[in-house]
Every structure is written in C-alpha cells, then in structure tokens.
Amino acid sequence: MRLICSILLVCFVPAIASAEEIVVGSYTIENFRENFQAKTLAAAKTITDEDVLRRLQKEDDEDNWEVATVILDPSFNPDVLVIQEGCSQQQLELFNKRWLQDAYETVIVFPGNSERGQTLAMMLKPGFKVIDRKDQYFLEPDPVPNPRGEKLFARGPAFLLVESPSGYKFWVGTNHQKSKSGNNVDVTRWRNREAARTNEIINEIAKSGTDDVIFLGDINDELYHQEFEQEAGGDTVAVLVGEGDNKLFLATQQLADSGALSYGGYWNDRFRSFIDHIVTTPSMQGQLGEPKVVTGGLARVASDHYPVVVRVTADPPN
C-alpha cells in the first residue's frame, strides 16, 4: 500500500506543478487615440506644416513609449490584455507592431457607441486563440431615455471566448461604464442600469457552455455607497456583482478595502480612488491569484489609471 501511494504521489505532484498560469490584465489608457495625432492630422491634411507635424510625432512617440513600457513591464505584461479608452483598430495594430514589437498575436478593437472616440480592445499573446465572441451588446436599447440617445451602453461590454495553449477555455470580458461626469441621481441610475445588465450578460454567457467568465474594466465607481447611490438603487459595484443565484465574485474587494488606488489622476489628487474592478463567475474563484495594481515604473505618468492584473490557474486539460 505504501508503494502504491508513493507511485501515485510521484505521478500527481508533477501534474500540480505544471498547472498553466495565465496573466489577465486591464488597462484604461487615457485618451489613447490622441497618441496618434500626428498621423491622423497629416492624413486629414488638417496640418501641413512639417515642423509642427514633427513636433506632434515626437510627442506621440513619447506617449506610446510610456504606455508600451508599462504594458511590457514584468510586473504587468499580461497574456490577455483588455483596454479601455482605446484607439482604432489600425492604430492599435500599429502600436502593437512598433511599440510592443508584435508581443500580441491577436489584436481586436470592439464596436461601440462612444461619441468621444473611445473604444474597448483586447489583445492576446501567441498561443491564445479566439473561439467565439459576443460584442453586440452596444446595440441594446436603454429602457429609460438617456441624454445620449436610445442605447444603454456606449463602450461595451464585449467578450471573447479564449482558448489557452493548454486547451483551457474561458470567457474574458470588459466594459467602460458610464462616467460620473455631471453626476446626479439620473446619471447614477443609468450607471446602475448598465451594471445590472452586465451582471445578467455575464450570467447568461456562463450558462452557454463555458461557465468560467472573468470581467475586467473601468467601472467608474468605488465600492460601497457613494453620492446619489442610495436614491438611485444602490452601490453600482454591488449591482454589478449581483446577489442570490446571480452573484459574482468581486476579486478586487480586498484591494479596494485596503485603500489601494486604480485611478491615480497624475498630480491631481481630487478623485483618487479604486474604480477598475475584476469580477468572475463563482467557478473561477479558486483559480485566482491575488489581484495587484501596477504603480511602479512609468505607470504613474503613462495614464491617469493604473493597470490591474491577476493570475488565473487554468483548469487541467481533459
């Protein structure tokens, strides 16, 4: 019996040791599209002065170098990266090729309704495959009229079913929720409608055949009740997490409770807070490492948000 147990232990330990780890990260890159102004203005012939265009290109290059340095920093460097306040498909492909040296094999910019040119994007390193996508939620109507129009969402949500190199399949989603610009009771109710519908979407996707879903993004809200939320239906983060059978796991709760910041605001400390969250379906809770906020290196100057990252241990292949 002792010999049999020893043999089983020898066989079992390598399987545990070789469990695949996947780094998933979220990064809100402030006005990322503005890092390509020189090419945009030159193509539109808005500016033709070569000296001005060279100066703008130098500024663009510096901004993109800062962002790329943050993404490739060993403390971040995710296998799967979701981006908020993104740029166009062509611009992101250029950024990946020139500044990331083609670190990512799959580069996808999702459609949306943003009037400010802000997009959502997802990038996957080599070996990771897209099996399915759900990115048409931006077309859903808002059951309550809103100042922007008839649509509920402006920037997402969007999801990809990803297959890792080991064959593990999981959904990765992101959104950039309604901001607190001009915040009042009606704006907060709108943000809560987005959060409630996002919770429904995540639970719907989890029932579609692959129940592991991780969702990361700029939620534009702090954990626990803030201004106007009592009158508007509750804490937006809690609405996103849900309750009962639809309750998700808030992986970033410990970070928020510890006083960590994901919105740094550069030198302006007026609105510093934790608003970039990670939620998952309950099935993934035991697969997550400790989420972290990347504040070192150039993260303090590359964007007004810090990246948020977590390690996911893949389910063993069948």
C-alpha atoms as a PDB file:
ATOM      1  CA  MET A   1       0.000   0.000   0.000  1.00  0.00           C
ATOM      2  CA  ARG A   2       2.846   2.394   0.864  1.00  0.00           C
ATOM      3  CA  LEU A   3       4.460   1.672  -2.522  1.00  0.00           C
ATOM      4  CA  ILE A   4       1.191   2.358  -4.359  1.00  0.00           C
ATOM      5  CA  CYS A   5       0.723   5.672  -2.509  1.00  0.00           C
ATOM      6  CA  SER A   6       4.286   6.703  -3.343  1.00  0.00           C
ATOM      7  CA  ILE A   7       3.756   5.942  -7.028  1.00  0.00           C
ATOM      8  CA  LEU A   8       0.507   7.928  -7.064  1.00  0.00           C
ATOM      9  CA  LEU A   9       2.183  10.857  -5.317  1.00  0.00           C
ATOM     10  CA  VAL A  10       5.052  10.887  -7.807  1.00  0.00           C
ATOM     11  CA  CYS A  11       2.561  10.919 -10.679  1.00  0.00           C
ATOM     12  CA  PHE A  12       0.310  13.534  -9.117  1.00  0.00           C
ATOM     13  CA  VAL A  13       2.853  16.139  -7.981  1.00  0.00           C
ATOM     14  CA  PRO A  14       4.201  16.960 -11.479  1.00  0.00           C
ATOM     15  CA  ALA A  15       0.632  17.489 -12.694  1.00  0.00           C
ATOM     16  CA  ILE A  16       0.087  20.090  -9.964  1.00  0.00           C
ATOM     17  CA  ALA A  17       3.455  21.727 -10.572  1.00  0.00           C
ATOM     18  CA  SER A  18       2.792  22.121 -14.290  1.00  0.00           C
ATOM     19  CA  ALA A  19      -0.616  23.789 -13.964  1.00  0.00           C
ATOM     20  CA  GLU A  20      -0.855  26.564 -16.548  1.00  0.00           C
ATOM     21  CA  GLU A  21      -0.956  30.127 -15.234  1.00  0.00           C
ATOM     22  CA  ILE A  22      -2.490  32.886 -17.345  1.00  0.00           C
ATOM     23  CA  VAL A  23      -1.927  36.563 -16.615  1.00  0.00           C
ATOM     24  CA  VAL A  24      -5.022  38.669 -17.333  1.00  0.00           C
ATOM     25  CA  GLY A  25      -4.877  42.442 -17.049  1.00  0.00           C
ATOM     26  CA  SER A  26      -6.939  45.576 -17.546  1.00  0.00           C
ATOM     27  CA  TYR A  27      -5.600  48.992 -18.514  1.00  0.00           C
ATOM     28  CA  THR A  28      -7.510  52.228 -19.030  1.00  0.00           C
ATOM     29  CA  ILE A  29      -5.178  54.259 -21.260  1.00  0.00           C
ATOM     30  CA  GLU A  30      -6.310  57.860 -21.037  1.00  0.00           C
ATOM     31  CA  ASN A  31      -7.405  59.139 -24.476  1.00  0.00           C
ATOM     32  CA  PHE A  32      -5.237  56.522 -26.174  1.00  0.00           C
ATOM     33  CA  ARG A  33      -6.413  57.656 -29.595  1.00  0.00           C
ATOM     34  CA  GLU A  34      -4.685  61.006 -29.020  1.00  0.00           C
ATOM     35  CA  ASN A  35      -1.312  59.230 -29.061  1.00  0.00           C
ATOM     36  CA  PHE A  36      -1.646  59.093 -32.866  1.00  0.00           C
ATOM     37  CA  GLN A  37      -2.449  62.756 -33.557  1.00  0.00           C
ATOM     38  CA  ALA A  38       0.417  63.417 -35.962  1.00  0.00           C
ATOM     39  CA  LYS A  39      -0.616  60.660 -38.380  1.00  0.00           C
ATOM     40  CA  THR A  40      -4.321  61.485 -38.001  1.00  0.00           C
ATOM     41  CA  LEU A  41      -3.864  65.203 -38.705  1.00  0.00           C
ATOM     42  CA  ALA A  42      -1.407  64.596 -41.535  1.00  0.00           C
ATOM     43  CA  ALA A  43      -3.747  62.119 -43.241  1.00  0.00           C
ATOM     44  CA  ALA A  44      -6.654  64.560 -42.956  1.00  0.00           C
ATOM     45  CA  LYS A  45      -4.383  67.410 -44.129  1.00  0.00           C
ATOM     46  CA  THR A  46      -5.609  69.395 -41.148  1.00  0.00           C
ATOM     47  CA  ILE A  47      -1.994  70.379 -40.508  1.00  0.00           C
ATOM     48  CA  THR A  48       0.551  70.532 -43.312  1.00  0.00           C
ATOM     49  CA  ASP A  49       3.402  72.327 -41.584  1.00  0.00           C
ATOM     50  CA  GLU A  50       6.214  69.764 -41.409  1.00  0.00           C
ATOM     51  CA  ASP A  51       7.795  71.276 -38.305  1.00  0.00           C
ATOM     52  CA  VAL A  52       4.510  71.113 -36.420  1.00  0.00           C
ATOM     53  CA  LEU A  53       3.914  67.524 -37.540  1.00  0.00           C
ATOM     54  CA  ARG A  54       7.424  66.500 -36.457  1.00  0.00           C
ATOM     55  CA  ARG A  55       6.832  68.015 -33.017  1.00  0.00           C
ATOM     56  CA  LEU A  56       3.487  66.218 -32.703  1.00  0.00           C
ATOM     57  CA  GLN A  57       5.044  62.946 -33.835  1.00  0.00           C
ATOM     58  CA  LYS A  58       7.742  63.300 -31.179  1.00  0.00           C
ATOM     59  CA  GLU A  59       5.058  63.798 -28.524  1.00  0.00           C
ATOM     60  CA  ASP A  60       3.091  60.805 -29.842  1.00  0.00           C
ATOM     61  CA  ASP A  61       6.208  58.636 -29.805  1.00  0.00           C
ATOM     62  CA  GLU A  62       6.972  59.564 -26.215  1.00  0.00           C
ATOM     63  CA  ASP A  63       3.398  58.841 -25.081  1.00  0.00           C
ATOM     64  CA  ASN A  64       3.309  55.482 -26.855  1.00  0.00           C
ATOM     65  CA  TRP A  65       6.722  54.520 -25.485  1.00  0.00           C
ATOM     66  CA  GLU A  66       5.464  55.204 -21.964  1.00  0.00           C
ATOM     67  CA  VAL A  67       2.331  53.088 -22.450  1.00  0.00           C
ATOM     68  CA  ALA A  68       4.283  50.240 -24.076  1.00  0.00           C
ATOM     69  CA  THR A  69       6.854  50.280 -21.271  1.00  0.00           C
ATOM     70  CA  VAL A  70       4.060  49.873 -18.713  1.00  0.00           C
ATOM     71  CA  ILE A  71       2.436  47.009 -20.648  1.00  0.00           C
ATOM     72  CA  LEU A  72       5.721  45.119 -21.093  1.00  0.00           C
ATOM     73  CA  ASP A  73       6.885  45.684 -17.513  1.00  0.00           C
ATOM     74  CA  PRO A  74       7.401  42.256 -15.871  1.00  0.00           C
ATOM     75  CA  SER A  75       5.033  43.282 -13.075  1.00  0.00           C
ATOM     76  CA  PHE A  76       2.229  43.565 -15.674  1.00  0.00           C
ATOM     77  CA  ASN A  77       2.903  42.016 -19.112  1.00  0.00           C
ATOM     78  CA  PRO A  78      -0.438  40.171 -19.376  1.00  0.00           C
ATOM     79  CA  ASP A  79      -1.132  37.238 -21.677  1.00  0.00           C
ATOM     80  CA  VAL A  80      -4.630  38.630 -22.180  1.00  0.00           C
ATOM     81  CA  LEU A  81      -4.962  42.417 -22.042  1.00  0.00           C
ATOM     82  CA  VAL A  82      -8.228  44.350 -22.070  1.00  0.00           C
ATOM     83  CA  ILE A  83      -8.073  48.086 -22.804  1.00  0.00           C
ATOM     84  CA  GLN A  84     -10.499  50.899 -22.079  1.00  0.00           C
ATOM     85  CA  GLU A  85     -10.381  54.375 -23.683  1.00  0.00           C
ATOM     86  CA  GLY A  86      -8.796  52.615 -26.624  1.00  0.00           C
ATOM     87  CA  CYS A  87      -7.926  53.747 -30.136  1.00  0.00           C
ATOM     88  CA  SER A  88      -8.894  52.475 -33.597  1.00  0.00           C
ATOM     89  CA  GLN A  89      -8.103  49.023 -34.989  1.00  0.00           C
ATOM     90  CA  GLN A  90      -5.459  50.425 -37.322  1.00  0.00           C
ATOM     91  CA  GLN A  91      -3.844  52.464 -34.540  1.00  0.00           C
ATOM     92  CA  LEU A  92      -3.751  49.544 -32.120  1.00  0.00           C
ATOM     93  CA  GLU A  93      -2.191  47.264 -34.750  1.00  0.00           C
ATOM     94  CA  LEU A  94       0.455  49.929 -35.397  1.00  0.00           C
ATOM     95  CA  PHE A  95       1.088  50.285 -31.657  1.00  0.00           C
ATOM     96  CA  ASN A  96       1.463  46.522 -31.240  1.00  0.00           C
ATOM     97  CA  LYS A  97       3.850  46.248 -34.181  1.00  0.00           C
ATOM     98  CA  ARG A  98       6.068  49.245 -33.476  1.00  0.00           C
ATOM     99  CA  TRP A  99       5.974  49.746 -29.730  1.00  0.00           C
ATOM    100  CA  LEU A 100       5.230  46.243 -28.446  1.00  0.00           C
ATOM    101  CA  GLN A 101       7.339  44.512 -31.103  1.00  0.00           C
ATOM    102  CA  ASP A 102       4.389  42.246 -32.020  1.00  0.00           C
ATOM    103  CA  ALA A 103       4.146  40.902 -28.476  1.00  0.00           C
ATOM    104  CA  TYR A 104       0.468  40.171 -29.136  1.00  0.00           C
ATOM    105  CA  GLU A 105      -0.743  37.950 -31.941  1.00  0.00           C
ATOM    106  CA  THR A 106      -4.438  38.841 -31.729  1.00  0.00           C
ATOM    107  CA  VAL A 107      -5.492  42.498 -31.675  1.00  0.00           C
ATOM    108  CA  ILE A 108      -9.212  43.298 -31.600  1.00  0.00           C
ATOM    109  CA  VAL A 109     -10.972  46.652 -31.235  1.00  0.00           C
ATOM    110  CA  PHE A 110     -14.668  46.254 -30.474  1.00  0.00           C
ATOM    111  CA  PRO A 111     -17.530  48.320 -31.922  1.00  0.00           C
ATOM    112  CA  GLY A 112     -19.399  50.790 -29.730  1.00  0.00           C
ATOM    113  CA  ASN A 113     -21.499  53.940 -29.440  1.00  0.00           C
ATOM    114  CA  SER A 114     -18.968  56.306 -27.903  1.00  0.00           C
ATOM    115  CA  GLU A 115     -19.320  59.899 -29.049  1.00  0.00           C
ATOM    116  CA  ARG A 116     -15.802  60.609 -27.780  1.00  0.00           C
ATOM    117  CA  GLY A 117     -13.986  58.112 -29.988  1.00  0.00           C
ATOM    118  CA  GLN A 118     -13.207  55.824 -27.061  1.00  0.00           C
ATOM    119  CA  THR A 119     -13.124  52.102 -27.744  1.00  0.00           C
ATOM    120  CA  LEU A 120     -12.678  48.795 -25.970  1.00  0.00           C
ATOM    121  CA  ALA A 121      -9.968  46.408 -27.108  1.00  0.00           C
ATOM    122  CA  MET A 122      -8.484  43.026 -26.286  1.00  0.00           C
ATOM    123  CA  MET A 123      -5.053  41.639 -27.131  1.00  0.00           C
ATOM    124  CA  LEU A 124      -3.895  38.012 -26.857  1.00  0.00           C
ATOM    125  CA  LYS A 125      -0.359  36.709 -26.879  1.00  0.00           C
ATOM    126  CA  PRO A 126       0.732  33.910 -29.252  1.00  0.00           C
ATOM    127  CA  GLY A 127      -0.762  30.540 -28.370  1.00  0.00           C
ATOM    128  CA  PHE A 128      -4.080  32.008 -27.236  1.00  0.00           C
ATOM    129  CA  LYS A 129      -6.991  31.554 -29.643  1.00  0.00           C
ATOM    130  CA  VAL A 130     -10.358  33.253 -30.000  1.00  0.00           C
ATOM    131  CA  ILE A 131     -13.082  30.609 -30.171  1.00  0.00           C
ATOM    132  CA  ASP A 132     -16.146  32.856 -30.010  1.00  0.00           C
ATOM    133  CA  ARG A 133     -17.067  36.483 -29.422  1.00  0.00           C
ATOM    134  CA  LYS A 134     -20.047  38.405 -28.111  1.00  0.00           C
ATOM    135  CA  ASP A 135     -19.664  42.115 -28.801  1.00  0.00           C
ATOM    136  CA  GLN A 136     -23.036  43.409 -29.977  1.00  0.00           C
ATOM    137  CA  TYR A 137     -24.417  44.466 -26.607  1.00  0.00           C
ATOM    138  CA  PHE A 138     -23.747  48.100 -27.513  1.00  0.00           C
ATOM    139  CA  LEU A 139     -26.833  47.845 -29.749  1.00  0.00           C
ATOM    140  CA  GLU A 140     -29.189  47.138 -26.846  1.00  0.00           C
ATOM    141  CA  PRO A 141     -31.793  49.840 -26.172  1.00  0.00           C
ATOM    142  CA  ASP A 142     -31.970  51.656 -22.863  1.00  0.00           C
ATOM    143  CA  PRO A 143     -35.377  51.018 -21.233  1.00  0.00           C
ATOM    144  CA  VAL A 144     -35.197  54.581 -19.889  1.00  0.00           C
ATOM    145  CA  PRO A 145     -34.456  57.587 -22.143  1.00  0.00           C
ATOM    146  CA  ASN A 146     -30.969  58.977 -21.597  1.00  0.00           C
ATOM    147  CA  PRO A 147     -29.230  62.166 -22.752  1.00  0.00           C
ATOM    148  CA  ARG A 148     -27.032  60.325 -25.277  1.00  0.00           C
ATOM    149  CA  GLY A 149     -29.806  58.580 -27.139  1.00  0.00           C
ATOM    150  CA  GLU A 150     -31.714  55.305 -27.134  1.00  0.00           C
ATOM    151  CA  LYS A 151     -28.813  52.924 -26.445  1.00  0.00           C
ATOM    152  CA  LEU A 152     -27.941  51.707 -22.946  1.00  0.00           C
ATOM    153  CA  PHE A 153     -24.178  51.226 -23.427  1.00  0.00           C
ATOM    154  CA  ALA A 154     -21.597  53.500 -25.013  1.00  0.00           C
ATOM    155  CA  ARG A 155     -18.427  51.431 -24.709  1.00  0.00           C
ATOM    156  CA  GLY A 156     -19.145  47.731 -24.498  1.00  0.00           C
ATOM    157  CA  PRO A 157     -19.472  45.330 -22.895  1.00  0.00           C
ATOM    158  CA  ALA A 158     -17.630  42.860 -25.100  1.00  0.00           C
ATOM    159  CA  PHE A 159     -16.488  39.270 -24.507  1.00  0.00           C
ATOM    160  CA  LEU A 160     -14.179  36.749 -26.154  1.00  0.00           C
ATOM    161  CA  LEU A 161     -14.116  33.004 -25.543  1.00  0.00           C
ATOM    162  CA  VAL A 162     -10.389  32.339 -25.269  1.00  0.00           C
ATOM    163  CA  GLU A 163      -8.567  29.038 -25.518  1.00  0.00           C
ATOM    164  CA  SER A 164      -5.175  28.963 -23.783  1.00  0.00           C
ATOM    165  CA  PRO A 165      -2.139  26.999 -25.032  1.00  0.00           C
ATOM    166  CA  SER A 166      -3.069  24.111 -22.685  1.00  0.00           C
ATOM    167  CA  GLY A 167      -6.604  23.979 -24.094  1.00  0.00           C
ATOM    168  CA  TYR A 168      -8.349  25.724 -21.188  1.00  0.00           C
ATOM    169  CA  LYS A 169     -11.352  27.758 -22.352  1.00  0.00           C
ATOM    170  CA  PHE A 170     -12.688  30.784 -20.527  1.00  0.00           C
ATOM    171  CA  TRP A 171     -14.567  33.961 -21.352  1.00  0.00           C
ATOM    172  CA  VAL A 172     -12.857  37.333 -20.941  1.00  0.00           C
ATOM    173  CA  GLY A 173     -14.973  40.472 -20.950  1.00  0.00           C
ATOM    174  CA  THR A 174     -14.584  44.189 -20.442  1.00  0.00           C
ATOM    175  CA  ASN A 175     -16.583  47.396 -20.295  1.00  0.00           C
ATOM    176  CA  HIS A 176     -16.105  51.100 -19.695  1.00  0.00           C
ATOM    177  CA  GLN A 177     -19.143  52.037 -17.656  1.00  0.00           C
ATOM    178  CA  LYS A 178     -20.945  55.351 -17.638  1.00  0.00           C
ATOM    179  CA  SER A 179     -18.733  58.001 -16.068  1.00  0.00           C
ATOM    180  CA  LYS A 180     -19.594  60.288 -13.170  1.00  0.00           C
ATOM    181  CA  SER A 181     -19.337  63.339 -15.381  1.00  0.00           C
ATOM    182  CA  GLY A 182     -22.236  65.587 -14.401  1.00  0.00           C
ATOM    183  CA  ASN A 183     -23.127  63.046 -11.757  1.00  0.00           C
ATOM    184  CA  ASN A 184     -26.590  63.164 -10.238  1.00  0.00           C
ATOM    185  CA  VAL A 185     -29.383  60.733  -9.366  1.00  0.00           C
ATOM    186  CA  ASP A 186     -30.354  60.136 -13.018  1.00  0.00           C
ATOM    187  CA  VAL A 187     -26.741  59.575 -14.129  1.00  0.00           C
ATOM    188  CA  THR A 188     -26.244  57.136 -11.251  1.00  0.00           C
ATOM    189  CA  ARG A 189     -29.431  55.273 -12.166  1.00  0.00           C
ATOM    190  CA  TRP A 190     -28.112  54.997 -15.721  1.00  0.00           C
ATOM    191  CA  ARG A 191     -24.797  53.613 -14.475  1.00  0.00           C
ATOM    192  CA  ASN A 192     -26.723  51.125 -12.315  1.00  0.00           C
ATOM    193  CA  ARG A 193     -28.797  50.007 -15.305  1.00  0.00           C
ATOM    194  CA  GLU A 194     -25.556  49.276 -17.133  1.00  0.00           C
ATOM    195  CA  ALA A 195     -24.191  47.375 -14.126  1.00  0.00           C
ATOM    196  CA  ALA A 196     -27.377  45.325 -13.702  1.00  0.00           C
ATOM    197  CA  ARG A 197     -27.484  44.389 -17.378  1.00  0.00           C
ATOM    198  CA  THR A 198     -23.774  43.493 -17.356  1.00  0.00           C
ATOM    199  CA  ASN A 199     -24.408  41.103 -14.463  1.00  0.00           C
ATOM    200  CA  GLU A 200     -27.212  39.495 -16.480  1.00  0.00           C
ATOM    201  CA  ILE A 201     -24.967  39.178 -19.533  1.00  0.00           C
ATOM    202  CA  ILE A 202     -22.151  37.521 -17.582  1.00  0.00           C
ATOM    203  CA  ASN A 203     -24.570  35.010 -16.081  1.00  0.00           C
ATOM    204  CA  GLU A 204     -26.154  34.347 -19.484  1.00  0.00           C
ATOM    205  CA  ILE A 205     -22.725  33.691 -21.005  1.00  0.00           C
ATOM    206  CA  ALA A 206     -21.801  31.383 -18.111  1.00  0.00           C
ATOM    207  CA  LYS A 207     -24.796  29.210 -18.986  1.00  0.00           C
ATOM    208  CA  SER A 208     -23.874  28.971 -22.667  1.00  0.00           C
ATOM    209  CA  GLY A 209     -21.467  26.040 -22.268  1.00  0.00           C
ATOM    210  CA  THR A 210     -18.325  27.525 -20.678  1.00  0.00           C
ATOM    211  CA  ASP A 211     -19.007  28.713 -17.147  1.00  0.00           C
ATOM    212  CA  ASP A 212     -15.647  30.395 -16.425  1.00  0.00           C
ATOM    213  CA  VAL A 213     -16.060  34.130 -17.083  1.00  0.00           C
ATOM    214  CA  ILE A 214     -13.695  36.895 -15.957  1.00  0.00           C
ATOM    215  CA  PHE A 215     -14.721  40.507 -16.421  1.00  0.00           C
ATOM    216  CA  LEU A 216     -12.333  43.458 -16.021  1.00  0.00           C
ATOM    217  CA  GLY A 217     -12.716  47.140 -16.713  1.00  0.00           C
ATOM    218  CA  ASP A 218     -13.262  50.725 -15.724  1.00  0.00           C
ATOM    219  CA  ILE A 219     -16.445  50.548 -13.646  1.00  0.00           C
ATOM    220  CA  ASN A 220     -16.261  54.277 -12.863  1.00  0.00           C
ATOM    221  CA  ASP A 221     -17.415  53.641  -9.322  1.00  0.00           C
ATOM    222  CA  GLU A 222     -15.950  52.919  -5.914  1.00  0.00           C
ATOM    223  CA  LEU A 223     -17.019  50.023  -3.733  1.00  0.00           C
ATOM    224  CA  TYR A 224     -19.797  50.808  -1.216  1.00  0.00           C
ATOM    225  CA  HIS A 225     -22.331  53.602  -1.325  1.00  0.00           C
ATOM    226  CA  GLN A 226     -21.286  56.903  -2.832  1.00  0.00           C
ATOM    227  CA  GLU A 227     -23.140  60.120  -3.570  1.00  0.00           C
ATOM    228  CA  PHE A 228     -26.631  59.642  -5.112  1.00  0.00           C
ATOM    229  CA  GLU A 229     -26.500  55.842  -4.922  1.00  0.00           C
ATOM    230  CA  GLN A 230     -28.981  55.496  -2.072  1.00  0.00           C
ATOM    231  CA  GLU A 231     -31.616  57.262  -4.185  1.00  0.00           C
ATOM    232  CA  ALA A 232     -30.549  55.557  -7.419  1.00  0.00           C
ATOM    233  CA  GLY A 233     -30.907  51.897  -6.465  1.00  0.00           C
ATOM    234  CA  GLY A 234     -27.732  51.063  -4.561  1.00  0.00           C
ATOM    235  CA  ASP A 235     -23.963  50.781  -4.869  1.00  0.00           C
ATOM    236  CA  THR A 236     -23.043  50.345  -8.534  1.00  0.00           C
ATOM    237  CA  VAL A 237     -20.299  47.807  -7.800  1.00  0.00           C
ATOM    238  CA  ALA A 238     -22.725  45.753  -5.694  1.00  0.00           C
ATOM    239  CA  VAL A 239     -25.267  45.915  -8.535  1.00  0.00           C
ATOM    240  CA  LEU A 240     -22.623  44.584 -10.927  1.00  0.00           C
ATOM    241  CA  VAL A 241     -21.729  41.766  -8.529  1.00  0.00           C
ATOM    242  CA  GLY A 242     -25.395  40.863  -8.050  1.00  0.00           C
ATOM    243  CA  GLU A 243     -26.967  38.664  -5.437  1.00  0.00           C
ATOM    244  CA  GLY A 244     -28.505  35.235  -4.908  1.00  0.00           C
ATOM    245  CA  ASP A 245     -28.028  32.780  -7.756  1.00  0.00           C
ATOM    246  CA  ASN A 246     -26.620  35.558  -9.953  1.00  0.00           C
ATOM    247  CA  LYS A 247     -23.939  36.690  -7.513  1.00  0.00           C
ATOM    248  CA  LEU A 248     -20.452  37.034  -8.957  1.00  0.00           C
ATOM    249  CA  PHE A 249     -17.117  37.078  -7.158  1.00  0.00           C
ATOM    250  CA  LEU A 250     -15.530  40.512  -6.663  1.00  0.00           C
ATOM    251  CA  ALA A 251     -11.838  39.668  -6.875  1.00  0.00           C
ATOM    252  CA  THR A 252     -10.746  43.255  -6.210  1.00  0.00           C
ATOM    253  CA  GLN A 253     -12.674  43.737  -2.981  1.00  0.00           C
ATOM    254  CA  GLN A 254      -9.601  43.242  -0.801  1.00  0.00           C
ATOM    255  CA  LEU A 255      -7.683  45.822  -2.848  1.00  0.00           C
ATOM    256  CA  ALA A 256     -10.500  48.341  -2.529  1.00  0.00           C
ATOM    257  CA  ASP A 257     -10.890  47.693   1.200  1.00  0.00           C
ATOM    258  CA  SER A 258      -7.140  48.154   1.725  1.00  0.00           C
ATOM    259  CA  GLY A 259      -7.228  51.680   0.299  1.00  0.00           C
ATOM    260  CA  ALA A 260      -5.462  50.814  -2.956  1.00  0.00           C
ATOM    261  CA  LEU A 261      -5.895  53.202  -5.892  1.00  0.00           C
ATOM    262  CA  SER A 262      -6.527  52.285  -9.516  1.00  0.00           C
ATOM    263  CA  TYR A 263      -7.309  55.852 -10.569  1.00  0.00           C
ATOM    264  CA  GLY A 264      -4.253  57.954  -9.819  1.00  0.00           C
ATOM    265  CA  GLY A 265      -5.096  61.180 -11.594  1.00  0.00           C
ATOM    266  CA  TYR A 266      -1.436  62.139 -12.127  1.00  0.00           C
ATOM    267  CA  TRP A 267      -0.628  65.069  -9.813  1.00  0.00           C
ATOM    268  CA  ASN A 268      -4.311  65.860  -9.176  1.00  0.00           C
ATOM    269  CA  ASP A 269      -5.434  64.000  -6.067  1.00  0.00           C
ATOM    270  CA  ARG A 270      -9.033  65.214  -6.154  1.00  0.00           C
ATOM    271  CA  PHE A 271     -10.654  61.999  -7.348  1.00  0.00           C
ATOM    272  CA  ARG A 272      -8.108  59.307  -6.488  1.00  0.00           C
ATOM    273  CA  SER A 273      -9.940  56.056  -5.837  1.00  0.00           C
ATOM    274  CA  PHE A 274     -10.319  52.383  -6.795  1.00  0.00           C
ATOM    275  CA  ILE A 275     -12.671  52.121  -9.791  1.00  0.00           C
ATOM    276  CA  ASP A 276     -11.082  49.417 -12.013  1.00  0.00           C
ATOM    277  CA  HIS A 277     -12.517  46.117 -10.833  1.00  0.00           C
ATOM    278  CA  ILE A 278     -12.297  42.399 -11.592  1.00  0.00           C
ATOM    279  CA  VAL A 279     -15.314  40.131 -11.191  1.00  0.00           C
ATOM    280  CA  THR A 280     -15.634  36.468 -12.104  1.00  0.00           C
ATOM    281  CA  THR A 281     -18.202  33.731 -12.044  1.00  0.00           C
ATOM    282  CA  PRO A 282     -18.059  31.662  -8.812  1.00  0.00           C
ATOM    283  CA  SER A 283     -16.494  28.758 -10.713  1.00  0.00           C
ATOM    284  CA  MET A 284     -13.275  30.758 -11.136  1.00  0.00           C
ATOM    285  CA  GLN A 285     -12.884  31.995  -7.566  1.00  0.00           C
ATOM    286  CA  GLY A 286     -10.476  29.239  -6.542  1.00  0.00           C
ATOM    287  CA  GLN A 287      -8.374  29.717  -9.687  1.00  0.00           C
ATOM    288  CA  LEU A 288      -7.378  33.316  -8.989  1.00  0.00           C
ATOM    289  CA  GLY A 289      -4.157  34.587  -7.529  1.00  0.00           C
ATOM    290  CA  GLU A 290      -4.019  37.839  -5.624  1.00  0.00           C
ATOM    291  CA  PRO A 291      -5.011  40.786  -7.859  1.00  0.00           C
ATOM    292  CA  LYS A 292      -2.487  43.608  -7.990  1.00  0.00           C
ATOM    293  CA  VAL A 293      -2.349  47.241  -9.044  1.00  0.00           C
ATOM    294  CA  VAL A 294       0.727  48.171 -11.081  1.00  0.00           C
ATOM    295  CA  THR A 295       2.001  51.508  -9.801  1.00  0.00           C
ATOM    296  CA  GLY A 296       5.744  51.247 -10.430  1.00  0.00           C
ATOM    297  CA  GLY A 297       7.904  52.428 -13.289  1.00  0.00           C
ATOM    298  CA  LEU A 298       6.132  54.708 -15.756  1.00  0.00           C
ATOM    299  CA  ALA A 299       2.621  53.709 -14.672  1.00  0.00           C
ATOM    300  CA  ARG A 300       2.253  56.991 -12.785  1.00  0.00           C
ATOM    301  CA  VAL A 301       2.759  59.089 -15.918  1.00  0.00           C
ATOM    302  CA  ALA A 302       1.552  56.916 -18.817  1.00  0.00           C
ATOM    303  CA  SER A 303      -2.152  57.197 -17.907  1.00  0.00           C
ATOM    304  CA  ASP A 304      -4.425  58.551 -15.200  1.00  0.00           C
ATOM    305  CA  HIS A 305      -5.368  54.919 -14.383  1.00  0.00           C
ATOM    306  CA  TYR A 306      -3.054  52.190 -13.143  1.00  0.00           C
ATOM    307  CA  PRO A 307      -3.220  48.689 -14.646  1.00  0.00           C
ATOM    308  CA  VAL A 308      -4.922  45.966 -12.611  1.00  0.00           C
ATOM    309  CA  VAL A 309      -3.745  42.374 -13.075  1.00  0.00           C
ATOM    310  CA  VAL A 310      -4.485  38.880 -11.788  1.00  0.00           C
ATOM    311  CA  ARG A 311      -3.081  35.385 -12.404  1.00  0.00           C
ATOM    312  CA  VAL A 312      -5.525  32.659 -13.379  1.00  0.00           C
ATOM    313  CA  THR A 313      -4.686  28.989 -12.890  1.00  0.00           C
ATOM    314  CA  ALA A 314      -6.169  27.051 -15.785  1.00  0.00           C
ATOM    315  CA  ASP A 315      -8.368  24.063 -15.225  1.00  0.00           C
ATOM    316  CA  PRO A 316      -6.396  20.904 -16.072  1.00  0.00           C
ATOM    317  CA  PRO A 317      -6.928  19.711 -19.666  1.00  0.00           C
ATOM    318  CA  ASN A 318      -9.351  16.839 -20.111  1.00  0.00           C
END
